[in-house]
N, C-alpha and C. Protein backbone atom coordinates (compact mmCIF):
# COMPACT_ATOMS: atom_id res chain seq x y z
N MET A 1 5.50 21.18 9.11
CA MET A 1 4.80 20.26 9.86
C MET A 1 3.41 20.80 9.94
N ASP A 2 2.92 22.47 9.76
CA ASP A 2 1.70 22.78 10.20
C ASP A 2 1.13 22.37 8.09
N HIS A 3 1.90 22.05 7.37
CA HIS A 3 1.33 21.73 6.25
C HIS A 3 1.33 20.00 6.07
N HIS A 4 1.98 19.33 6.85
CA HIS A 4 1.77 18.20 6.79
C HIS A 4 0.37 18.26 8.04
N LYS A 5 0.14 18.34 8.64
CA LYS A 5 -1.58 18.69 8.96
C LYS A 5 -2.65 18.76 8.74
N ALA A 6 -2.06 19.83 7.25
CA ALA A 6 -3.69 20.42 7.03
C ALA A 6 -3.70 19.15 6.01
N ILE A 7 -2.94 18.93 5.34
CA ILE A 7 -2.92 17.72 4.11
C ILE A 7 -3.86 16.92 5.43
N LEU A 8 -3.12 16.05 6.20
CA LEU A 8 -3.49 15.07 6.99
C LEU A 8 -5.44 15.63 7.31
N ASN A 9 -5.47 16.51 8.42
CA ASN A 9 -6.61 16.60 8.61
C ASN A 9 -7.68 17.70 7.59
N ALA A 10 -7.40 17.85 6.03
CA ALA A 10 -8.63 18.20 5.47
C ALA A 10 -9.45 17.08 5.03
N PRO A 11 -10.43 17.84 5.42
CA PRO A 11 -11.76 17.56 5.39
C PRO A 11 -11.95 16.25 3.99
N TYR A 12 -12.50 15.30 3.74
CA TYR A 12 -12.33 13.92 2.76
C TYR A 12 -13.19 15.09 1.59
N THR A 13 -13.21 14.05 0.69
CA THR A 13 -13.94 15.24 -0.34
C THR A 13 -14.55 13.70 -1.78
N THR A 14 -15.35 14.29 -1.98
CA THR A 14 -16.25 13.35 -2.92
C THR A 14 -15.42 12.84 -4.32
N ASP A 15 -14.32 14.12 -4.53
CA ASP A 15 -13.67 13.65 -5.71
C ASP A 15 -12.78 12.65 -4.83
N GLU A 16 -11.94 12.58 -4.17
CA GLU A 16 -11.45 12.08 -3.44
C GLU A 16 -11.99 10.14 -3.14
N VAL A 17 -12.96 10.41 -2.68
CA VAL A 17 -13.42 8.98 -2.63
C VAL A 17 -13.78 8.38 -4.08
N LYS A 18 -14.36 9.08 -4.89
CA LYS A 18 -14.44 8.42 -6.59
C LYS A 18 -13.17 8.58 -7.00
N LYS A 19 -12.21 9.04 -6.94
CA LYS A 19 -10.75 8.80 -7.97
C LYS A 19 -10.80 7.28 -6.85
N ALA A 20 -10.58 7.36 -6.29
CA ALA A 20 -10.31 6.31 -4.75
C ALA A 20 -10.35 4.97 -5.79
N LEU A 21 -11.88 4.69 -5.35
CA LEU A 21 -12.85 3.64 -6.34
C LEU A 21 -12.46 3.42 -7.76
N PHE A 22 -12.74 4.49 -8.36
CA PHE A 22 -12.63 4.21 -9.61
C PHE A 22 -10.73 3.56 -9.81
N SER A 23 -10.07 4.21 -9.42
CA SER A 23 -8.66 3.30 -9.20
C SER A 23 -8.56 1.51 -9.06
N ILE A 24 -9.65 1.40 -8.65
CA ILE A 24 -9.23 -0.25 -7.72
C ILE A 24 -9.65 -0.93 -9.45
N LEU A 25 -8.88 -1.82 -9.45
CA LEU A 25 -9.17 -2.87 -10.99
C LEU A 25 -10.98 -3.09 -10.85
N GLY A 26 -11.09 -3.69 -11.57
CA GLY A 26 -12.03 -3.84 -12.21
C GLY A 26 -12.28 -5.69 -12.44
N ILE A 27 -11.65 -6.31 -12.69
CA ILE A 27 -11.20 -7.58 -12.39
C ILE A 27 -10.68 -7.98 -11.06
N LYS A 28 -10.32 -7.30 -10.05
CA LYS A 28 -10.00 -7.82 -8.55
C LYS A 28 -11.46 -8.55 -7.56
N ALA A 29 -10.72 -9.84 -7.24
CA ALA A 29 -12.07 -10.55 -6.51
C ALA A 29 -12.51 -9.48 -6.10
N PRO A 30 -13.83 -9.80 -5.40
CA PRO A 30 -15.22 -9.45 -4.48
C PRO A 30 -14.09 -9.97 -3.19
N GLY A 31 -14.41 -9.13 -2.20
CA GLY A 31 -14.41 -9.05 -1.08
C GLY A 31 -15.44 -10.51 -0.29
N PRO A 32 -15.39 -10.76 1.04
CA PRO A 32 -16.71 -11.31 1.72
C PRO A 32 -17.93 -10.70 1.24
N ASP A 33 -18.00 -9.68 1.12
CA ASP A 33 -19.95 -8.95 0.77
C ASP A 33 -19.94 -9.32 -0.66
N GLY A 34 -19.18 -10.22 -1.56
CA GLY A 34 -19.14 -10.84 -2.63
C GLY A 34 -19.42 -9.33 -3.74
N ILE A 35 -19.27 -8.09 -3.47
CA ILE A 35 -19.51 -7.41 -4.25
C ILE A 35 -17.79 -6.38 -4.52
N GLY A 36 -17.61 -6.84 -6.10
CA GLY A 36 -16.56 -6.53 -6.45
C GLY A 36 -16.35 -4.73 -7.04
N PRO A 37 -15.51 -4.29 -7.77
CA PRO A 37 -15.41 -3.07 -8.03
C PRO A 37 -15.94 -2.34 -9.18
N TYR A 38 -15.92 -4.17 -9.85
CA TYR A 38 -16.70 -3.35 -11.24
C TYR A 38 -18.55 -3.19 -10.95
N PHE A 39 -19.26 -3.80 -10.10
CA PHE A 39 -20.47 -3.44 -9.69
C PHE A 39 -20.10 -2.12 -9.36
N TYR A 40 -19.63 -1.54 -8.98
CA TYR A 40 -19.80 -0.32 -8.19
C TYR A 40 -19.43 0.64 -9.70
N LYS A 41 -18.61 0.65 -10.27
CA LYS A 41 -18.59 1.35 -11.72
C LYS A 41 -19.40 1.10 -12.21
N ASP A 42 -20.28 -0.12 -12.61
CA ASP A 42 -21.31 0.01 -13.55
C ASP A 42 -22.58 0.04 -13.41
N ALA A 43 -23.02 0.38 -12.20
CA ALA A 43 -23.94 0.97 -11.41
C ALA A 43 -23.52 2.06 -10.75
N TRP A 44 -22.60 2.71 -10.63
CA TRP A 44 -22.56 4.88 -10.16
C TRP A 44 -23.43 5.67 -10.00
N HIS A 45 -24.25 5.14 -11.59
CA HIS A 45 -25.23 6.08 -11.43
C HIS A 45 -26.11 6.15 -10.43
N ILE A 46 -26.17 4.80 -9.91
CA ILE A 46 -27.71 4.17 -9.12
C ILE A 46 -26.81 4.52 -7.67
N VAL A 47 -26.05 3.61 -7.37
CA VAL A 47 -25.53 3.71 -6.24
C VAL A 47 -24.08 4.69 -5.61
N GLY A 48 -24.03 5.41 -6.82
CA GLY A 48 -22.83 6.54 -6.10
C GLY A 48 -22.74 7.39 -4.94
N ASP A 49 -23.65 8.15 -5.19
CA ASP A 49 -24.26 9.22 -4.00
C ASP A 49 -24.07 7.72 -2.54
N GLU A 50 -24.57 6.99 -2.67
CA GLU A 50 -24.98 6.34 -1.09
C GLU A 50 -23.67 6.17 -0.99
N VAL A 51 -23.20 4.89 -1.75
CA VAL A 51 -21.74 4.90 -1.67
C VAL A 51 -20.86 5.93 -1.42
N ILE A 52 -21.12 6.84 -1.76
CA ILE A 52 -19.59 8.24 -1.36
C ILE A 52 -20.39 8.44 -0.14
N ALA A 53 -21.57 8.93 0.53
CA ALA A 53 -22.07 9.52 1.06
C ALA A 53 -21.59 8.59 2.73
N ALA A 54 -21.86 6.83 2.43
CA ALA A 54 -21.38 5.90 3.54
C ALA A 54 -19.86 5.91 3.94
N ILE A 55 -19.22 5.59 2.89
CA ILE A 55 -17.70 5.81 3.15
C ILE A 55 -17.06 7.35 3.58
N LEU A 56 -18.01 8.30 3.44
CA LEU A 56 -17.24 10.30 3.80
C LEU A 56 -17.90 9.84 5.43
N ASP A 57 -19.02 9.21 5.91
CA ASP A 57 -19.18 8.93 7.02
C ASP A 57 -17.90 8.39 7.67
N MET A 58 -17.48 7.15 7.44
CA MET A 58 -16.71 6.53 8.14
C MET A 58 -15.58 7.11 8.08
N LEU A 59 -15.27 7.37 7.26
CA LEU A 59 -14.06 8.24 7.11
C LEU A 59 -13.85 9.86 8.60
N GLN A 60 -14.58 10.29 7.96
CA GLN A 60 -15.11 11.43 9.04
C GLN A 60 -15.35 11.00 10.74
N GLN A 61 -15.89 10.08 10.80
CA GLN A 61 -16.10 9.73 12.28
C GLN A 61 -14.97 8.64 12.91
N GLY A 62 -14.10 8.17 11.63
CA GLY A 62 -13.16 7.57 12.59
C GLY A 62 -13.44 6.02 12.81
N LYS A 63 -14.74 5.51 12.48
CA LYS A 63 -15.00 3.90 12.33
C LYS A 63 -15.58 3.99 11.34
N ILE A 64 -15.07 2.13 11.30
CA ILE A 64 -15.42 1.18 9.94
C ILE A 64 -16.86 0.08 10.73
N LEU A 65 -17.59 0.24 9.95
CA LEU A 65 -18.13 -0.74 10.32
C LEU A 65 -17.40 -2.44 10.15
N LYS A 66 -18.29 -3.26 11.02
CA LYS A 66 -18.08 -4.44 10.83
C LYS A 66 -17.69 -5.36 9.26
N GLU A 67 -19.09 -4.86 9.22
CA GLU A 67 -18.95 -6.08 8.36
C GLU A 67 -18.77 -5.59 6.95
N VAL A 68 -17.84 -4.02 6.83
CA VAL A 68 -17.01 -3.49 5.78
C VAL A 68 -15.33 -4.00 6.25
N ASN A 69 -14.92 -4.26 7.01
CA ASN A 69 -14.12 -4.42 7.82
C ASN A 69 -13.49 -5.76 7.88
N HIS A 70 -14.79 -6.50 7.86
CA HIS A 70 -14.33 -7.89 7.59
C HIS A 70 -13.33 -8.71 6.51
N THR A 71 -12.39 -9.50 6.62
CA THR A 71 -11.12 -10.03 5.54
C THR A 71 -11.21 -11.25 6.09
N VAL A 72 -11.17 -11.70 4.47
CA VAL A 72 -10.75 -13.60 4.70
C VAL A 72 -9.83 -13.60 3.99
N ILE A 73 -8.73 -14.42 5.27
CA ILE A 73 -7.42 -14.37 4.48
C ILE A 73 -7.01 -15.90 4.08
N THR A 74 -6.90 -16.21 2.58
CA THR A 74 -6.33 -17.54 2.42
C THR A 74 -5.27 -17.94 1.76
N LEU A 75 -4.50 -19.19 2.37
CA LEU A 75 -3.30 -19.46 2.27
C LEU A 75 -2.82 -19.90 0.86
N ILE A 76 -2.38 -19.34 0.03
CA ILE A 76 -2.12 -19.73 -0.92
C ILE A 76 0.04 -20.69 -1.03
N PRO A 77 -0.20 -21.78 -1.57
CA PRO A 77 1.13 -22.69 -1.41
C PRO A 77 2.12 -22.10 -2.77
N LYS A 78 3.14 -21.74 -2.39
CA LYS A 78 4.18 -21.33 -2.98
C LYS A 78 5.08 -22.36 -3.26
N THR A 79 5.08 -23.97 -2.96
CA THR A 79 5.20 -24.58 -4.07
C THR A 79 4.53 -26.02 -3.91
N LYS A 80 4.98 -26.61 -4.98
CA LYS A 80 3.97 -27.57 -5.26
C LYS A 80 2.97 -28.66 -4.16
N CYS A 81 3.92 -29.12 -3.15
CA CYS A 81 3.63 -29.75 -2.04
C CYS A 81 4.44 -29.48 -0.70
N PRO A 82 3.16 -28.20 -0.91
CA PRO A 82 4.10 -27.45 0.97
C PRO A 82 3.94 -28.24 2.33
N LYS A 83 4.40 -28.27 2.89
CA LYS A 83 4.94 -28.92 4.06
C LYS A 83 4.74 -28.89 5.24
N ASP A 84 5.32 -27.10 5.40
CA ASP A 84 5.20 -26.14 6.60
C ASP A 84 4.59 -25.22 6.23
N VAL A 85 4.01 -24.00 7.21
CA VAL A 85 3.36 -23.04 6.99
C VAL A 85 4.38 -22.06 6.28
N SER A 86 5.36 -22.08 6.48
CA SER A 86 6.11 -20.65 5.71
C SER A 86 6.33 -21.34 4.48
N GLU A 87 5.81 -22.01 3.84
CA GLU A 87 5.57 -22.12 2.40
C GLU A 87 4.31 -21.84 2.11
N PHE A 88 3.19 -20.83 2.70
CA PHE A 88 2.12 -20.63 2.02
C PHE A 88 2.56 -19.50 1.99
N LYS A 89 1.56 -18.14 1.68
CA LYS A 89 2.02 -16.87 1.01
C LYS A 89 0.47 -16.87 1.38
N PRO A 90 0.30 -15.58 2.61
CA PRO A 90 -1.49 -15.59 2.75
C PRO A 90 -1.43 -14.51 2.02
N ILE A 91 -3.29 -14.21 1.69
CA ILE A 91 -3.34 -13.50 0.56
C ILE A 91 -4.55 -12.63 1.50
N SER A 92 -4.94 -11.89 1.84
CA SER A 92 -6.02 -11.36 2.18
C SER A 92 -7.61 -10.44 0.87
N CYS A 93 -8.27 -10.84 0.87
CA CYS A 93 -9.73 -10.21 -0.10
C CYS A 93 -10.45 -9.67 1.08
N CYS A 94 -10.26 -8.29 0.48
CA CYS A 94 -11.02 -7.55 1.34
C CYS A 94 -12.30 -6.87 0.70
N ASN A 95 -12.85 -6.43 1.41
CA ASN A 95 -14.48 -5.67 0.88
C ASN A 95 -13.93 -3.90 0.12
N THR A 96 -14.74 -4.58 -1.30
CA THR A 96 -14.40 -3.22 -2.30
C THR A 96 -14.14 -1.66 -0.81
N ILE A 97 -15.54 -2.12 -0.31
CA ILE A 97 -15.64 -0.24 0.25
C ILE A 97 -14.16 -0.32 1.35
N TYR A 98 -13.68 -1.51 1.60
CA TYR A 98 -12.38 -1.18 2.90
C TYR A 98 -11.11 -0.12 2.26
N LYS A 99 -11.60 -1.20 0.55
CA LYS A 99 -10.34 -0.74 -0.01
C LYS A 99 -10.36 0.62 -0.59
N CYS A 100 -11.42 0.66 -0.38
CA CYS A 100 -11.77 2.32 -1.04
C CYS A 100 -10.86 3.03 -0.40
N ILE A 101 -12.01 2.61 0.95
CA ILE A 101 -11.17 3.68 1.91
C ILE A 101 -9.67 3.74 2.44
N THR A 102 -9.26 2.53 2.25
CA THR A 102 -7.62 2.41 2.59
C THR A 102 -6.53 2.99 1.77
N LYS A 103 -7.38 3.46 0.10
CA LYS A 103 -6.48 4.16 -0.77
C LYS A 103 -7.17 5.53 -0.78
N VAL A 104 -8.09 6.24 -0.66
CA VAL A 104 -7.86 7.23 0.21
C VAL A 104 -7.25 7.82 1.08
N LEU A 105 -6.76 6.71 2.45
CA LEU A 105 -5.99 7.51 3.33
C LEU A 105 -4.52 7.15 2.80
N PHE A 106 -4.67 6.02 2.26
CA PHE A 106 -2.95 6.31 1.32
C PHE A 106 -2.40 7.49 0.45
N GLY A 107 -3.69 7.90 -0.46
CA GLY A 107 -3.75 9.02 -1.01
C GLY A 107 -2.76 10.30 -0.12
N ARG A 108 -3.33 10.65 1.56
CA ARG A 108 -2.79 11.43 1.84
C ARG A 108 -1.42 11.23 2.16
N LEU A 109 -1.69 9.97 3.42
CA LEU A 109 -0.02 10.14 3.06
C LEU A 109 0.99 9.91 2.26
N ARG A 110 0.70 9.83 1.25
CA ARG A 110 1.47 9.48 0.24
C ARG A 110 2.01 10.93 -0.09
N GLN A 111 1.60 11.97 -0.05
CA GLN A 111 1.98 13.36 0.13
C GLN A 111 2.18 13.97 0.98
N VAL A 112 2.83 13.47 2.61
CA VAL A 112 2.95 13.67 3.37
C VAL A 112 5.12 13.06 3.84
N LEU A 113 4.81 11.25 3.07
CA LEU A 113 5.72 10.58 3.67
C LEU A 113 6.88 11.07 3.00
N PRO A 114 7.41 11.26 2.14
CA PRO A 114 8.67 11.90 1.19
C PRO A 114 9.53 12.65 2.30
N ASP A 115 8.49 13.68 2.88
CA ASP A 115 9.30 14.41 4.11
C ASP A 115 9.62 13.71 5.34
N LEU A 116 9.00 12.79 5.15
CA LEU A 116 9.30 12.24 6.41
C LEU A 116 10.13 10.72 6.80
N ILE A 117 10.04 10.46 5.91
CA ILE A 117 11.03 9.59 5.81
C ILE A 117 12.87 9.80 4.77
N LEU A 118 13.53 9.48 5.36
CA LEU A 118 14.82 10.07 5.13
C LEU A 118 15.32 9.37 3.43
N GLU A 119 15.80 10.34 3.04
CA GLU A 119 16.15 10.28 1.57
C GLU A 119 16.95 9.27 1.51
N ASN A 120 17.89 8.32 2.01
CA ASN A 120 18.30 7.04 1.74
C ASN A 120 17.88 5.84 1.79
N GLN A 121 16.79 6.03 2.34
CA GLN A 121 15.32 4.79 1.53
C GLN A 121 14.66 4.83 0.14
N GLY A 122 15.69 4.10 -0.37
CA GLY A 122 14.59 4.21 -2.30
C GLY A 122 13.98 3.89 -2.14
N GLY A 123 13.45 2.57 -1.65
CA GLY A 123 12.11 1.87 -1.83
C GLY A 123 10.92 2.58 -1.51
N PHE A 124 9.76 2.33 -1.93
CA PHE A 124 8.12 2.51 -1.21
C PHE A 124 8.51 4.10 -1.37
N VAL A 125 8.81 4.75 -1.77
CA VAL A 125 8.56 6.38 -1.43
C VAL A 125 8.64 6.61 -2.79
N HIS A 126 7.14 7.39 -3.46
CA HIS A 126 7.17 7.61 -4.28
C HIS A 126 8.35 8.59 -5.24
N GLY A 127 8.53 8.18 -6.26
CA GLY A 127 8.78 8.80 -7.25
C GLY A 127 11.03 8.67 -6.46
N ARG A 128 11.15 7.45 -5.40
CA ARG A 128 12.16 7.64 -5.65
C ARG A 128 12.47 5.73 -5.51
N TYR A 129 13.69 5.43 -5.81
CA TYR A 129 13.90 4.14 -7.07
C TYR A 129 15.46 3.49 -5.96
N ILE A 130 14.97 2.23 -5.78
CA ILE A 130 15.92 1.47 -5.52
C ILE A 130 17.90 1.06 -6.22
N VAL A 131 17.64 1.71 -7.23
CA VAL A 131 18.13 1.21 -8.24
C VAL A 131 19.65 2.23 -7.29
N HIS A 132 18.83 3.10 -7.18
CA HIS A 132 20.29 4.92 -6.49
C HIS A 132 20.79 4.10 -5.54
N ASN A 133 20.15 3.34 -4.55
CA ASN A 133 21.15 2.65 -3.71
C ASN A 133 22.06 1.86 -3.79
N ILE A 134 21.81 0.87 -5.36
CA ILE A 134 22.83 -0.53 -6.11
C ILE A 134 23.49 0.69 -6.46
N MET A 135 23.30 1.67 -6.85
CA MET A 135 24.28 2.32 -7.64
C MET A 135 25.44 3.10 -6.56
N VAL A 136 24.86 3.73 -5.68
CA VAL A 136 25.77 4.02 -3.94
C VAL A 136 26.60 2.95 -3.46
N VAL A 137 26.19 1.76 -3.25
CA VAL A 137 26.91 1.02 -2.89
C VAL A 137 27.73 0.45 -3.94
N GLN A 138 27.17 0.45 -5.19
CA GLN A 138 28.55 0.02 -6.37
C GLN A 138 29.29 0.67 -6.01
N ASP A 139 29.73 2.38 -6.05
CA ASP A 139 30.48 2.91 -5.90
C ASP A 139 31.21 3.34 -4.09
N LEU A 140 30.89 2.76 -3.50
CA LEU A 140 31.52 2.15 -2.10
C LEU A 140 32.48 1.38 -1.92
N VAL A 141 31.86 0.15 -3.15
CA VAL A 141 32.89 -1.19 -2.88
C VAL A 141 33.98 -0.71 -3.74
N ARG A 142 34.11 0.05 -5.38
CA ARG A 142 34.76 0.54 -5.92
C ARG A 142 35.71 1.34 -5.25
N HIS A 143 35.43 2.39 -4.18
CA HIS A 143 36.74 2.81 -3.68
C HIS A 143 36.84 2.57 -2.32
N TYR A 144 36.41 1.35 -1.62
CA TYR A 144 36.97 0.41 -0.41
C TYR A 144 38.34 -0.12 -0.34
N GLY A 145 38.30 1.20 0.90
CA GLY A 145 40.53 0.26 1.09
C GLY A 145 41.06 1.26 0.11
N ARG A 146 40.69 2.22 -0.72
CA ARG A 146 41.80 2.83 -1.27
C ARG A 146 42.30 3.29 -0.30
N LYS A 147 43.77 4.46 -0.62
CA LYS A 147 44.03 5.09 -0.31
C LYS A 147 43.96 6.56 -0.06
N GLY A 148 43.91 7.26 1.51
CA GLY A 148 43.02 8.63 1.10
C GLY A 148 41.70 8.75 1.82
N VAL A 149 41.46 7.72 1.54
CA VAL A 149 39.65 7.10 2.12
C VAL A 149 39.29 7.00 3.15
N LYS A 150 38.56 7.52 3.61
CA LYS A 150 38.43 6.99 5.89
C LYS A 150 37.90 5.87 5.41
N PRO A 151 38.53 5.14 6.89
CA PRO A 151 37.44 4.05 6.29
C PRO A 151 36.72 3.76 6.74
N SER A 152 35.66 2.50 6.21
CA SER A 152 34.45 2.67 6.70
C SER A 152 33.98 1.29 6.98
N CYS A 153 32.64 0.85 7.06
CA CYS A 153 32.37 -0.39 7.39
C CYS A 153 31.15 -0.33 6.10
N LEU A 154 30.91 -1.48 5.78
CA LEU A 154 29.76 -1.92 5.02
C LEU A 154 29.01 -3.30 5.31
N MET A 155 27.66 -3.15 5.08
CA MET A 155 27.04 -4.53 6.23
C MET A 155 26.12 -4.23 5.38
N LYS A 156 25.51 -5.84 4.92
CA LYS A 156 24.25 -6.24 3.98
C LYS A 156 23.11 -7.19 5.10
N THR A 157 22.45 -6.82 4.97
CA THR A 157 20.81 -7.38 5.74
C THR A 157 20.10 -8.71 4.50
N ASP A 158 20.10 -9.12 4.52
CA ASP A 158 19.02 -10.13 4.27
C ASP A 158 17.77 -9.84 4.71
N LEU A 159 16.90 -9.47 3.63
CA LEU A 159 15.31 -9.11 3.71
C LEU A 159 14.56 -9.87 2.81
N GLN A 160 15.15 -11.33 2.65
CA GLN A 160 14.67 -12.54 1.85
C GLN A 160 12.92 -12.60 2.09
N LYS A 161 12.14 -12.58 3.48
CA LYS A 161 11.64 -13.29 3.74
C LYS A 161 10.19 -11.73 3.94
N ALA A 162 11.13 -11.18 3.86
CA ALA A 162 10.19 -9.76 3.62
C ALA A 162 9.01 -9.56 2.25
N TYR A 163 9.67 -9.86 1.20
CA TYR A 163 8.91 -10.31 0.30
C TYR A 163 9.21 -11.39 -0.47
N ASP A 164 8.03 -12.33 0.63
CA ASP A 164 8.05 -13.64 -0.20
C ASP A 164 7.52 -13.97 -1.64
N THR A 165 7.67 -14.89 -2.70
CA THR A 165 7.34 -15.15 -3.49
C THR A 165 6.41 -16.37 -3.63
N VAL A 166 5.52 -16.45 -4.71
CA VAL A 166 5.07 -17.59 -5.22
C VAL A 166 5.74 -18.20 -6.68
N ASP A 167 6.09 -19.54 -6.39
CA ASP A 167 6.80 -20.31 -6.91
C ASP A 167 5.79 -20.82 -8.62
């Protein structure tokens, strides 16, 4: 746990911020401020030092300017003629600086989460695959009810709404 604390509490670096910003695809839509990632990358030689200083200040202070934290949510229809709010998928348009800050924080969390999340969670942890859990279930079903196998129970949970899709 001390190792995790050291990772999470280490001072943020210029390299972390620059790597996070440059990892944002240049074709992403700009946020409410109208400045997309392409601008920062293209004008890095002019604005880079100020951008890094501002982001490092926000990360170190733990406070984000409300202008940076401003997000516009747009509802995208999942069907041709939506009649209910559940037939829309919300899309958030965040400012590039906000995206950069979250990427820096995610980079830190990504290093400690595999140790904190149980190994049986196959998805959404770097280096783990949901396919492994599918193979485990197939083995369980194949051996279910056989003589000499300890009685057990198998339960399926439907998570359809957790992963909305757009038609």
